[in-house]
C-alpha atoms as a PDB file:
ATOM      1  CA  MET A   1     151.640 196.783  29.892  1.00  0.00           C
ATOM      2  CA  THR A   2     153.698 193.432  29.044  1.00  0.00           C
ATOM      3  CA  HIS A   3     153.306 192.268  25.126  1.00  0.00           C
ATOM      4  CA  SER A   4     151.777 188.809  26.311  1.00  0.00           C
ATOM      5  CA  THR A   5     149.139 190.984  28.474  1.00  0.00           C
ATOM      6  CA  VAL A   6     148.511 192.730  25.453  1.00  0.00           C
ATOM      7  CA  GLN A   7     147.750 189.717  23.602  1.00  0.00           C
ATOM      8  CA  HIS A   8     145.393 188.532  26.232  1.00  0.00           C
ATOM      9  CA  GLN A   9     143.388 191.596  26.081  1.00  0.00           C
ATOM     10  CA  GLU A  10     142.866 191.193  22.067  1.00  0.00           C
ATOM     11  CA  ARG A  11     141.908 187.916  22.116  1.00  0.00           C
ATOM     12  CA  HIS A  12     139.294 188.088  24.629  1.00  0.00           C
ATOM     13  CA  ALA A  13     138.302 191.433  22.769  1.00  0.00           C
ATOM     14  CA  ALA A  14     137.982 189.743  19.058  1.00  0.00           C
ATOM     15  CA  PRO A  15     134.835 187.258  20.999  1.00  0.00           C
ATOM     16  CA  GLN A  16     133.536 190.291  22.466  1.00  0.00           C
ATOM     17  CA  GLN A  17     133.443 191.659  19.065  1.00  0.00           C
ATOM     18  CA  ASP A  18     132.202 189.328  16.798  1.00  0.00           C
ATOM     19  CA  SER A  19     129.034 188.764  19.684  1.00  0.00           C
ATOM     20  CA  ARG A  20     128.207 192.082  19.340  1.00  0.00           C
ATOM     21  CA  GLU A  21     128.011 191.926  15.238  1.00  0.00           C
ATOM     22  CA  ALA A  22     126.046 188.701  16.100  1.00  0.00           C
ATOM     23  CA  LEU A  23     123.360 190.469  18.196  1.00  0.00           C
ATOM     24  CA  ARG A  24     123.626 193.539  15.874  1.00  0.00           C
ATOM     25  CA  GLN A  25     122.501 191.302  12.863  1.00  0.00           C
ATOM     26  CA  GLN A  26     120.032 189.443  14.557  1.00  0.00           C
ATOM     27  CA  MET A  27     118.685 193.365  15.255  1.00  0.00           C
ATOM     28  CA  LEU A  28     118.943 195.020  12.106  1.00  0.00           C
ATOM     29  CA  GLN A  29     118.151 192.543  10.104  1.00  0.00           C
ATOM     30  CA  PRO A  30     114.179 192.426  10.656  1.00  0.00           C
ATOM     31  CA  LEU A  31     114.048 196.062  10.808  1.00  0.00           C
ATOM     32  CA  LEU A  32     115.915 196.324   7.360  1.00  0.00           C
ATOM     33  CA  ALA A  33     112.928 194.300   5.679  1.00  0.00           C
ATOM     34  CA  THR A  34     110.284 196.295   7.719  1.00  0.00           C
ATOM     35  CA  LEU A  35     111.236 199.669   7.224  1.00  0.00           C
ATOM     36  CA  THR A  36     110.853 200.526   3.905  1.00  0.00           C
ATOM     37  CA  SER A  37     111.023 203.891   3.741  1.00  0.00           C
ATOM     38  CA  THR A  38     112.708 207.163   5.147  1.00  0.00           C
ATOM     39  CA  GLY A  39     111.979 208.695   8.185  1.00  0.00           C
ATOM     40  CA  VAL A  40     110.993 207.829  11.987  1.00  0.00           C
ATOM     41  CA  HIS A  41     108.227 205.054  12.398  1.00  0.00           C
ATOM     42  CA  GLU A  42     106.067 204.702  15.705  1.00  0.00           C
ATOM     43  CA  SER A  43     106.241 201.282  16.948  1.00  0.00           C
ATOM     44  CA  CYS A  44     103.369 198.918  18.885  1.00  0.00           C
ATOM     45  CA  VAL A  45     106.627 198.965  21.408  1.00  0.00           C
ATOM     46  CA  PRO A  46     105.602 202.189  23.832  1.00  0.00           C
ATOM     47  CA  GLY A  47     107.886 204.315  23.473  1.00  0.00           C
ATOM     48  CA  LEU A  48     109.661 202.917  20.789  1.00  0.00           C
ATOM     49  CA  ARG A  49     110.728 204.425  17.485  1.00  0.00           C
ATOM     50  CA  LEU A  50     112.276 203.119  14.787  1.00  0.00           C
ATOM     51  CA  PHE A  51     114.601 205.374  12.563  1.00  0.00           C
ATOM     52  CA  ARG A  52     115.632 204.759   8.800  1.00  0.00           C
ATOM     53  CA  SER A  53     117.504 207.041   6.218  1.00  0.00           C
ATOM     54  CA  ASP A  54     119.064 206.046   2.736  1.00  0.00           C
ATOM     55  CA  ALA A  55     121.047 209.095   2.617  1.00  0.00           C
ATOM     56  CA  PRO A  56     123.068 211.732   4.733  1.00  0.00           C
ATOM     57  CA  THR A  57     121.264 214.477   6.018  1.00  0.00           C
ATOM     58  CA  SER A  58     121.587 218.215   6.483  1.00  0.00           C
ATOM     59  CA  ALA A  59     121.832 219.611  10.131  1.00  0.00           C
ATOM     60  CA  THR A  60     118.333 219.485  11.825  1.00  0.00           C
ATOM     61  CA  PRO A  61     117.614 221.115  15.330  1.00  0.00           C
ATOM     62  CA  THR A  62     115.314 219.512  17.444  1.00  0.00           C
ATOM     63  CA  ILE A  63     114.351 218.407  20.803  1.00  0.00           C
ATOM     64  CA  TYR A  64     115.482 215.571  23.183  1.00  0.00           C
ATOM     65  CA  GLU A  65     113.490 214.537  25.082  1.00  0.00           C
ATOM     66  CA  PRO A  66     114.508 212.379  28.084  1.00  0.00           C
ATOM     67  CA  THR A  67     115.910 209.138  25.646  1.00  0.00           C
ATOM     68  CA  LEU A  68     118.422 206.200  25.072  1.00  0.00           C
ATOM     69  CA  CYS A  69     119.040 205.494  21.882  1.00  0.00           C
ATOM     70  CA  LEU A  70     120.890 202.944  19.991  1.00  0.00           C
ATOM     71  CA  LEU A  71     122.403 202.974  16.427  1.00  0.00           C
ATOM     72  CA  LEU A  72     122.490 200.048  14.931  1.00  0.00           C
ATOM     73  CA  GLN A  73     124.466 200.869  11.162  1.00  0.00           C
ATOM     74  CA  GLY A  74     125.593 204.213   9.746  1.00  0.00           C
ATOM     75  CA  SER A  75     126.609 207.199  12.072  1.00  0.00           C
ATOM     76  CA  LYS A  76     125.578 210.935  13.302  1.00  0.00           C
ATOM     77  CA  GLN A  77     126.502 214.184  14.283  1.00  0.00           C
ATOM     78  CA  LEU A  78     125.316 215.983  17.005  1.00  0.00           C
ATOM     79  CA  LEU A  79     126.094 219.845  18.025  1.00  0.00           C
ATOM     80  CA  LEU A  80     124.707 220.759  21.240  1.00  0.00           C
ATOM     81  CA  GLY A  81     125.632 223.937  22.162  1.00  0.00           C
ATOM     82  CA  GLU A  82     129.312 224.521  20.306  1.00  0.00           C
ATOM     83  CA  GLU A  83     130.048 221.091  21.174  1.00  0.00           C
ATOM     84  CA  LEU A  84     130.133 218.304  18.270  1.00  0.00           C
ATOM     85  CA  LEU A  85     129.703 214.743  18.970  1.00  0.00           C
ATOM     86  CA  HIS A  86     130.130 211.878  17.107  1.00  0.00           C
ATOM     87  CA  TYR A  87     127.298 208.892  17.295  1.00  0.00           C
ATOM     88  CA  SER A  88     128.304 205.810  15.548  1.00  0.00           C
ATOM     89  CA  THR A  89     127.520 201.638  14.972  1.00  0.00           C
ATOM     90  CA  LEU A  90     127.171 200.114  18.091  1.00  0.00           C
ATOM     91  CA  GLN A  91     126.683 203.216  20.352  1.00  0.00           C
ATOM     92  CA  PHE A  92     124.424 204.221  22.604  1.00  0.00           C
ATOM     93  CA  LEU A  93     123.212 207.799  23.169  1.00  0.00           C
ATOM     94  CA  LEU A  94     122.013 209.035  26.813  1.00  0.00           C
ATOM     95  CA  VAL A  95     119.800 212.198  27.204  1.00  0.00           C
ATOM     96  CA  PRO A  96     118.814 212.067  30.831  1.00  0.00           C
ATOM     97  CA  VAL A  97     117.089 215.239  30.476  1.00  0.00           C
ATOM     98  CA  MET A  98     115.322 217.434  27.846  1.00  0.00           C
ATOM     99  CA  LEU A  99     117.987 218.882  25.274  1.00  0.00           C
ATOM    100  CA  PRO A 100     117.911 221.219  22.334  1.00  0.00           C
ATOM    101  CA  VAL A 101     120.324 219.961  19.748  1.00  0.00           C
ATOM    102  CA  SER A 102     121.564 220.150  16.056  1.00  0.00           C
ATOM    103  CA  GLY A 103     121.641 216.213  14.355  1.00  0.00           C
ATOM    104  CA  LYS A 104     122.639 215.259  10.879  1.00  0.00           C
ATOM    105  CA  ILE A 105     123.318 211.688   9.450  1.00  0.00           C
ATOM    106  CA  VAL A 106     126.605 211.550   7.837  1.00  0.00           C
ATOM    107  CA  HIS A 107     126.916 207.203   6.867  1.00  0.00           C
ATOM    108  CA  ALA A 108     123.642 206.279   5.176  1.00  0.00           C
ATOM    109  CA  SER A 109     122.820 204.889   1.978  1.00  0.00           C
ATOM    110  CA  SER A 110     120.468 202.826   0.091  1.00  0.00           C
ATOM    111  CA  ASN A 111     122.987 199.944   0.583  1.00  0.00           C
ATOM    112  CA  GLU A 112     123.592 200.811   3.692  1.00  0.00           C
ATOM    113  CA  PRO A 113     121.115 202.595   5.662  1.00  0.00           C
ATOM    114  CA  TYR A 114     121.125 204.332   9.143  1.00  0.00           C
ATOM    115  CA  ILE A 115     119.840 201.666  11.095  1.00  0.00           C
ATOM    116  CA  GLY A 116     118.505 203.372  14.516  1.00  0.00           C
ATOM    117  CA  LEU A 117     116.116 202.952  17.819  1.00  0.00           C
ATOM    118  CA  SER A 118     115.260 205.429  20.427  1.00  0.00           C
ATOM    119  CA  LEU A 119     113.012 204.351  23.969  1.00  0.00           C
ATOM    120  CA  ASN A 120     111.693 206.796  26.283  1.00  0.00           C
ATOM    121  CA  LEU A 121     113.466 207.230  29.957  1.00  0.00           C
ATOM    122  CA  ASP A 122     111.060 206.705  32.701  1.00  0.00           C
ATOM    123  CA  LEU A 123     112.952 209.144  35.424  1.00  0.00           C
ATOM    124  CA  ARG A 124     110.532 208.001  37.940  1.00  0.00           C
ATOM    125  CA  GLU A 125     111.260 204.493  37.560  1.00  0.00           C
ATOM    126  CA  LEU A 126     114.822 204.740  37.176  1.00  0.00           C
ATOM    127  CA  THR A 127     114.885 206.754  40.420  1.00  0.00           C
ATOM    128  CA  GLU A 128     112.888 203.854  42.077  1.00  0.00           C
ATOM    129  CA  LEU A 129     115.786 201.738  40.906  1.00  0.00           C
ATOM    130  CA  VAL A 130     118.447 204.109  42.104  1.00  0.00           C
ATOM    131  CA  ILE A 131     117.211 203.838  45.682  1.00  0.00           C
ATOM    132  CA  ASP A 132     117.074 199.969  45.262  1.00  0.00           C
ATOM    133  CA  LEU A 133     120.865 200.101  43.951  1.00  0.00           C
ATOM    134  CA  GLY A 134     122.573 202.744  46.464  1.00  0.00           C
ATOM    135  CA  ASP A 135     126.243 201.849  45.876  1.00  0.00           C
ATOM    136  CA  LYS A 136     126.552 199.399  43.781  1.00  0.00           C
ATOM    137  CA  ILE A 137     125.874 202.343  41.464  1.00  0.00           C
ATOM    138  CA  PRO A 138     129.170 203.919  39.990  1.00  0.00           C
ATOM    139  CA  ARG A 139     130.184 207.151  41.326  1.00  0.00           C
ATOM    140  CA  GLN A 140     130.094 210.163  38.532  1.00  0.00           C
ATOM    141  CA  PRO A 141     133.960 211.593  39.255  1.00  0.00           C
ATOM    142  CA  VAL A 142     132.886 214.543  36.979  1.00  0.00           C
ATOM    143  CA  PRO A 143     129.848 217.000  36.512  1.00  0.00           C
ATOM    144  CA  ALA A 144     126.993 215.200  34.441  1.00  0.00           C
ATOM    145  CA  ARG A 145     126.449 216.148  31.330  1.00  0.00           C
ATOM    146  CA  GLY A 146     123.462 216.242  29.853  1.00  0.00           C
ATOM    147  CA  ILE A 147     124.127 213.713  26.935  1.00  0.00           C
ATOM    148  CA  SER A 148     126.983 210.841  26.983  1.00  0.00           C
ATOM    149  CA  ILE A 149     127.617 208.554  23.813  1.00  0.00           C
ATOM    150  CA  ALA A 150     129.280 205.351  24.764  1.00  0.00           C
ATOM    151  CA  ASP A 151     129.786 201.887  23.037  1.00  0.00           C
ATOM    152  CA  ALA A 152     126.940 199.205  23.884  1.00  0.00           C
ATOM    153  CA  ASP A 153     128.332 196.860  25.131  1.00  0.00           C
ATOM    154  CA  LEU A 154     127.020 192.725  25.011  1.00  0.00           C
ATOM    155  CA  VAL A 155     124.763 192.857  27.934  1.00  0.00           C
ATOM    156  CA  LEU A 156     122.894 196.064  27.059  1.00  0.00           C
ATOM    157  CA  LEU A 157     122.936 194.884  23.632  1.00  0.00           C
ATOM    158  CA  SER A 158     121.145 191.429  24.565  1.00  0.00           C
ATOM    159  CA  VAL A 159     118.170 193.207  26.105  1.00  0.00           C
ATOM    160  CA  PHE A 160     117.813 195.819  23.274  1.00  0.00           C
ATOM    161  CA  GLN A 161     117.384 192.602  21.029  1.00  0.00           C
ATOM    162  CA  ARG A 162     115.059 191.013  23.234  1.00  0.00           C
ATOM    163  CA  ILE A 163     113.150 194.302  23.033  1.00  0.00           C
ATOM    164  CA  LEU A 164     113.120 194.693  19.549  1.00  0.00           C
ATOM    165  CA  GLN A 165     111.635 190.951  19.471  1.00  0.00           C
ATOM    166  CA  LEU A 166     108.566 191.948  21.059  1.00  0.00           C
ATOM    167  CA  LEU A 167     108.153 193.530  17.640  1.00  0.00           C
ATOM    168  CA  GLN A 168     107.417 190.195  16.064  1.00  0.00           C
ATOM    169  CA  GLN A 169     105.510 188.900  19.274  1.00  0.00           C
ATOM    170  CA  PRO A 170     102.786 191.740  20.208  1.00  0.00           C
ATOM    171  CA  GLN A 171     100.876 189.474  22.250  1.00  0.00           C
ATOM    172  CA  ASP A 172     103.833 189.392  25.240  1.00  0.00           C
ATOM    173  CA  ILE A 173     104.387 193.790  25.203  1.00  0.00           C
ATOM    174  CA  ASP A 174     101.985 193.806  28.003  1.00  0.00           C
ATOM    175  CA  VAL A 175     103.693 191.383  29.806  1.00  0.00           C
ATOM    176  CA  MET A 176     107.653 191.391  29.120  1.00  0.00           C
ATOM    177  CA  PHE A 177     108.091 194.974  28.119  1.00  0.00           C
ATOM    178  CA  PRO A 178     107.625 196.386  31.309  1.00  0.00           C
ATOM    179  CA  LEU A 179     110.605 193.432  32.314  1.00  0.00           C
ATOM    180  CA  LEU A 180     113.086 194.294  29.997  1.00  0.00           C
ATOM    181  CA  LYS A 181     112.733 198.386  30.560  1.00  0.00           C
ATOM    182  CA  ARG A 182     113.465 198.161  34.076  1.00  0.00           C
ATOM    183  CA  GLU A 183     116.473 195.739  33.249  1.00  0.00           C
ATOM    184  CA  LEU A 184     117.474 198.162  30.612  1.00  0.00           C
ATOM    185  CA  LEU A 185     117.497 200.843  33.429  1.00  0.00           C
ATOM    186  CA  TYR A 186     118.980 198.640  35.804  1.00  0.00           C
ATOM    187  CA  ARG A 187     122.329 197.888  33.293  1.00  0.00           C
ATOM    188  CA  LEU A 188     122.491 201.062  32.405  1.00  0.00           C
ATOM    189  CA  LEU A 189     123.025 202.372  36.187  1.00  0.00           C
ATOM    190  CA  LEU A 190     125.815 199.224  36.686  1.00  0.00           C
ATOM    191  CA  SER A 191     127.701 200.490  33.612  1.00  0.00           C
ATOM    192  CA  ARG A 192     130.299 203.254  33.403  1.00  0.00           C
ATOM    193  CA  VAL A 193     127.506 205.673  32.712  1.00  0.00           C
ATOM    194  CA  GLY A 194     125.864 204.666  35.900  1.00  0.00           C
ATOM    195  CA  GLY A 195     126.943 207.682  37.975  1.00  0.00           C
ATOM    196  CA  HIS A 196     126.005 210.031  35.386  1.00  0.00           C
ATOM    197  CA  LEU A 197     122.777 208.710  35.019  1.00  0.00           C
ATOM    198  CA  ARG A 198     122.372 208.581  38.956  1.00  0.00           C
ATOM    199  CA  GLU A 199     122.859 212.465  39.206  1.00  0.00           C
ATOM    200  CA  PHE A 200     119.647 213.021  37.367  1.00  0.00           C
ATOM    201  CA  THR A 201     117.650 211.435  39.927  1.00  0.00           C
ATOM    202  CA  LEU A 202     119.245 212.500  43.083  1.00  0.00           C
ATOM    203  CA  LEU A 203     116.950 215.736  45.127  1.00  0.00           C
ATOM    204  CA  ASP A 204     120.055 218.011  46.146  1.00  0.00           C
ATOM    205  CA  SER A 205     122.488 216.937  43.098  1.00  0.00           C
ATOM    206  CA  GLN A 206     123.418 219.467  40.399  1.00  0.00           C
ATOM    207  CA  ALA A 207     122.277 217.983  37.846  1.00  0.00           C
ATOM    208  CA  SER A 208     119.222 217.170  39.613  1.00  0.00           C
ATOM    209  CA  ARG A 209     118.939 220.815  40.269  1.00  0.00           C
ATOM    210  CA  ILE A 210     119.803 222.042  36.473  1.00  0.00           C
ATOM    211  CA  GLY A 211     117.049 219.675  36.056  1.00  0.00           C
ATOM    212  CA  LYS A 212     114.459 221.684  37.392  1.00  0.00           C
ATOM    213  CA  VAL A 213     115.810 225.019  35.640  1.00  0.00           C
ATOM    214  CA  ILE A 214     114.965 222.813  32.064  1.00  0.00           C
ATOM    215  CA  ASP A 215     111.663 222.168  33.539  1.00  0.00           C
ATOM    216  CA  THR A 216     111.144 225.889  34.296  1.00  0.00           C
ATOM    217  CA  LEU A 217     112.709 227.091  30.733  1.00  0.00           C
ATOM    218  CA  ARG A 218     110.212 224.359  29.501  1.00  0.00           C
ATOM    219  CA  GLN A 219     107.033 225.718  31.301  1.00  0.00           C
ATOM    220  CA  ARG A 220     107.784 229.441  30.961  1.00  0.00           C
ATOM    221  CA  TYR A 221     110.152 229.419  27.119  1.00  0.00           C
ATOM    222  CA  ASN A 222     107.998 232.171  25.926  1.00  0.00           C
ATOM    223  CA  GLN A 223     108.180 234.369  29.246  1.00  0.00           C
ATOM    224  CA  PRO A 224     110.848 236.611  29.865  1.00  0.00           C
ATOM    225  CA  LEU A 225     112.820 235.476  32.651  1.00  0.00           C
ATOM    226  CA  ARG A 226     115.925 236.900  34.427  1.00  0.00           C
ATOM    227  CA  ILE A 227     118.834 234.522  35.495  1.00  0.00           C
ATOM    228  CA  LYS A 228     118.339 235.583  39.177  1.00  0.00           C
ATOM    229  CA  ASP A 229     114.698 233.786  38.739  1.00  0.00           C
ATOM    230  CA  LEU A 230     116.223 230.684  37.074  1.00  0.00           C
ATOM    231  CA  ALA A 231     119.087 230.883  40.671  1.00  0.00           C
ATOM    232  CA  ASP A 232     116.258 231.110  43.285  1.00  0.00           C
ATOM    233  CA  VAL A 233     114.459 227.735  41.118  1.00  0.00           C
ATOM    234  CA  ALA A 234     117.612 225.972  41.657  1.00  0.00           C
ATOM    235  CA  HIS A 235     118.817 227.597  45.293  1.00  0.00           C
ATOM    236  CA  MET A 236     121.866 228.621  43.700  1.00  0.00           C
ATOM    237  CA  SER A 237     124.052 231.798  42.865  1.00  0.00           C
ATOM    238  CA  GLU A 238     123.761 233.314  39.494  1.00  0.00           C
ATOM    239  CA  SER A 239     127.253 232.534  38.432  1.00  0.00           C
ATOM    240  CA  SER A 240     126.639 228.786  40.194  1.00  0.00           C
ATOM    241  CA  LEU A 241     124.097 228.099  38.228  1.00  0.00           C
ATOM    242  CA  PHE A 242     125.577 229.841  34.674  1.00  0.00           C
ATOM    243  CA  GLN A 243     128.838 227.459  35.369  1.00  0.00           C
ATOM    244  CA  SER A 244     126.346 224.673  36.388  1.00  0.00           C
ATOM    245  CA  PHE A 245     123.968 224.983  33.424  1.00  0.00           C
ATOM    246  CA  LYS A 246     126.783 224.918  30.436  1.00  0.00           C
ATOM    247  CA  ALA A 247     128.280 221.880  32.004  1.00  0.00           C
ATOM    248  CA  VAL A 248     125.415 219.950  31.720  1.00  0.00           C
ATOM    249  CA  THR A 249     123.688 221.854  28.793  1.00  0.00           C
ATOM    250  CA  SER A 250     126.620 223.306  26.737  1.00  0.00           C
ATOM    251  CA  MET A 251     124.878 226.341  26.281  1.00  0.00           C
ATOM    252  CA  SER A 252     124.011 229.354  28.520  1.00  0.00           C
ATOM    253  CA  PRO A 253     119.928 229.414  30.025  1.00  0.00           C
ATOM    254  CA  LEU A 254     119.334 232.059  27.472  1.00  0.00           C
ATOM    255  CA  GLN A 255     120.427 230.287  24.436  1.00  0.00           C
ATOM    256  CA  PHE A 256     118.829 226.852  25.604  1.00  0.00           C
ATOM    257  CA  GLN A 257     115.310 229.643  25.995  1.00  0.00           C
ATOM    258  CA  LYS A 258     115.931 230.768  22.485  1.00  0.00           C
ATOM    259  CA  GLN A 259     116.242 227.297  20.961  1.00  0.00           C
ATOM    260  CA  LEU A 260     113.183 225.946  22.529  1.00  0.00           C
ATOM    261  CA  ARG A 261     110.931 229.186  21.387  1.00  0.00           C
ATOM    262  CA  LEU A 262     112.308 228.732  17.952  1.00  0.00           C
ATOM    263  CA  ASN A 263     111.707 224.974  17.804  1.00  0.00           C
ATOM    264  CA  GLU A 264     108.218 226.042  18.903  1.00  0.00           C
ATOM    265  CA  ALA A 265     107.418 228.689  16.370  1.00  0.00           C
ATOM    266  CA  ARG A 266     109.001 226.068  13.709  1.00  0.00           C
ATOM    267  CA  ARG A 267     106.231 223.473  14.957  1.00  0.00           C
ATOM    268  CA  ILE A 268     103.545 226.311  15.214  1.00  0.00           C
ATOM    269  CA  MET A 269     103.738 227.230  11.310  1.00  0.00           C
ATOM    270  CA  LEU A 270     104.425 223.604  10.431  1.00  0.00           C
ATOM    271  CA  TYR A 271     101.376 221.994  11.893  1.00  0.00           C
ATOM    272  CA  GLU A 272      99.177 224.842  12.909  1.00  0.00           C
ATOM    273  CA  GLY A 273      99.138 226.411   9.417  1.00  0.00           C
ATOM    274  CA  VAL A 274     100.187 230.208  10.917  1.00  0.00           C
ATOM    275  CA  GLU A 275     102.372 233.275   9.667  1.00  0.00           C
ATOM    276  CA  ALA A 276     105.582 233.978  11.154  1.00  0.00           C
ATOM    277  CA  ALA A 277     104.674 237.074  13.014  1.00  0.00           C
ATOM    278  CA  THR A 278     101.718 235.475  14.543  1.00  0.00           C
ATOM    279  CA  ALA A 279     104.323 232.641  15.579  1.00  0.00           C
ATOM    280  CA  SER A 280     106.828 234.654  16.958  1.00  0.00           C
ATOM    281  CA  TYR A 281     104.889 236.521  19.074  1.00  0.00           C
ATOM    282  CA  LYS A 282     103.194 233.480  20.420  1.00  0.00           C
ATOM    283  CA  VAL A 283     106.655 232.636  21.404  1.00  0.00           C
ATOM    284  CA  GLY A 284     107.764 235.331  23.492  1.00  0.00           C
ATOM    285  CA  TYR A 285     109.932 237.564  20.616  1.00  0.00           C
ATOM    286  CA  GLU A 286     108.622 241.124  20.412  1.00  0.00           C
ATOM    287  CA  SER A 287     110.296 242.060  17.273  1.00  0.00           C
ATOM    288  CA  PRO A 288     109.407 239.984  14.035  1.00  0.00           C
ATOM    289  CA  SER A 289     112.580 240.846  12.175  1.00  0.00           C
ATOM    290  CA  GLN A 290     114.735 239.927  15.114  1.00  0.00           C
ATOM    291  CA  PHE A 291     112.648 236.355  15.059  1.00  0.00           C
ATOM    292  CA  SER A 292     113.581 235.999  11.893  1.00  0.00           C
ATOM    293  CA  ARG A 293     117.401 236.555  12.039  1.00  0.00           C
ATOM    294  CA  GLU A 294     117.675 234.119  14.880  1.00  0.00           C
ATOM    295  CA  TYR A 295     115.275 231.926  13.208  1.00  0.00           C
ATOM    296  CA  SER A 296     117.617 232.111   9.889  1.00  0.00           C
ATOM    297  CA  ARG A 297     120.867 231.503  12.348  1.00  0.00           C
ATOM    298  CA  LEU A 298     119.388 228.458  13.730  1.00  0.00           C
ATOM    299  CA  PHE A 299     117.713 226.779  10.937  1.00  0.00           C
ATOM    300  CA  GLY A 300     119.764 228.017   8.058  1.00  0.00           C
ATOM    301  CA  ALA A 301     116.415 229.707   6.158  1.00  0.00           C
ATOM    302  CA  PRO A 302     114.019 232.307   6.756  1.00  0.00           C
ATOM    303  CA  PRO A 303     111.000 231.222   8.562  1.00  0.00           C
ATOM    304  CA  LYS A 304     108.604 231.241   5.043  1.00  0.00           C
ATOM    305  CA  ALA A 305     111.475 229.557   3.000  1.00  0.00           C
ATOM    306  CA  ASP A 306     112.424 226.777   5.658  1.00  0.00           C
ATOM    307  CA  VAL A 307     108.604 225.732   6.466  1.00  0.00           C
ATOM    308  CA  ALA A 308     107.948 225.336   2.478  1.00  0.00           C
ATOM    309  CA  ARG A 309     111.571 223.671   1.916  1.00  0.00           C
ATOM    310  CA  PHE A 310     110.281 220.856   5.352  1.00  0.00           C
ATOM    311  CA  ARG A 311     107.218 220.114   3.828  1.00  0.00           C
ATOM    312  CA  GLN A 312     108.239 219.393   0.673  1.00  0.00           C
ATOM    313  CA  THR A 313     109.935 216.579   2.251  1.00  0.00           C
ATOM    314  CA  LEU A 314     106.602 215.441   4.107  1.00  0.00           C
END
């Protein structure tokens, strides 16, 4: 690459970066004014959640549903299986399938709080668009992953900005939001992650088959499952299932099931008020002591202590 080519690219990149920052500020400033408390905030736009944190957090295991997130300020680390991912300002996070992850906010303060948003993904609508777009969607050169992080370009940021404007114009939501959501999916499919997203909608792709296995684990998380049972669901050999499942989720099917069980047990204890032993049986554990060990390993404290600590933050 010649020196003049590098200079041309740098001159082209600078206005792009300035425009991205201008759009970021247009989205960020109203949210800083309205999100006055730390936590997750539901919005009047269906499926849109807003997030604020004034300080870094410790690692918190959670379950991601199919979602698209955008980070407007701050940074976060995500642990998927044994893989550590970094998610920063003006990047989007794409999760086409349900995934257990552990996340912690790394950069946040009262002067520069962590501000982000998430939008539920409609996979049926996505499939319709994939059919409409056909060969226009970029091909996926490597096996599809269950999570992608990429820089949000001007086109994508513009759609996000118009969606956030609906918070100030609620009378327009019923008509405009379905159009904007469809445009957002359209832009994603034509972006460099489009091939990744497309793989989860195709009937016989590896990613789609693993999606079916994930649905089975979700429905039967509290039941004993053999790898052979899951391989039959995916119409794959046991070895192919194991390799493909790990490629998508960065964990084995049984590790995935364990995280589903432990997250559900935590939810039951927190919101239904049951004891740890009862919760462990409900989610499929036969040994309360094994449940306590694995719970402590995932959440950093035994069940009773973890629940008490969590309730203090509510």
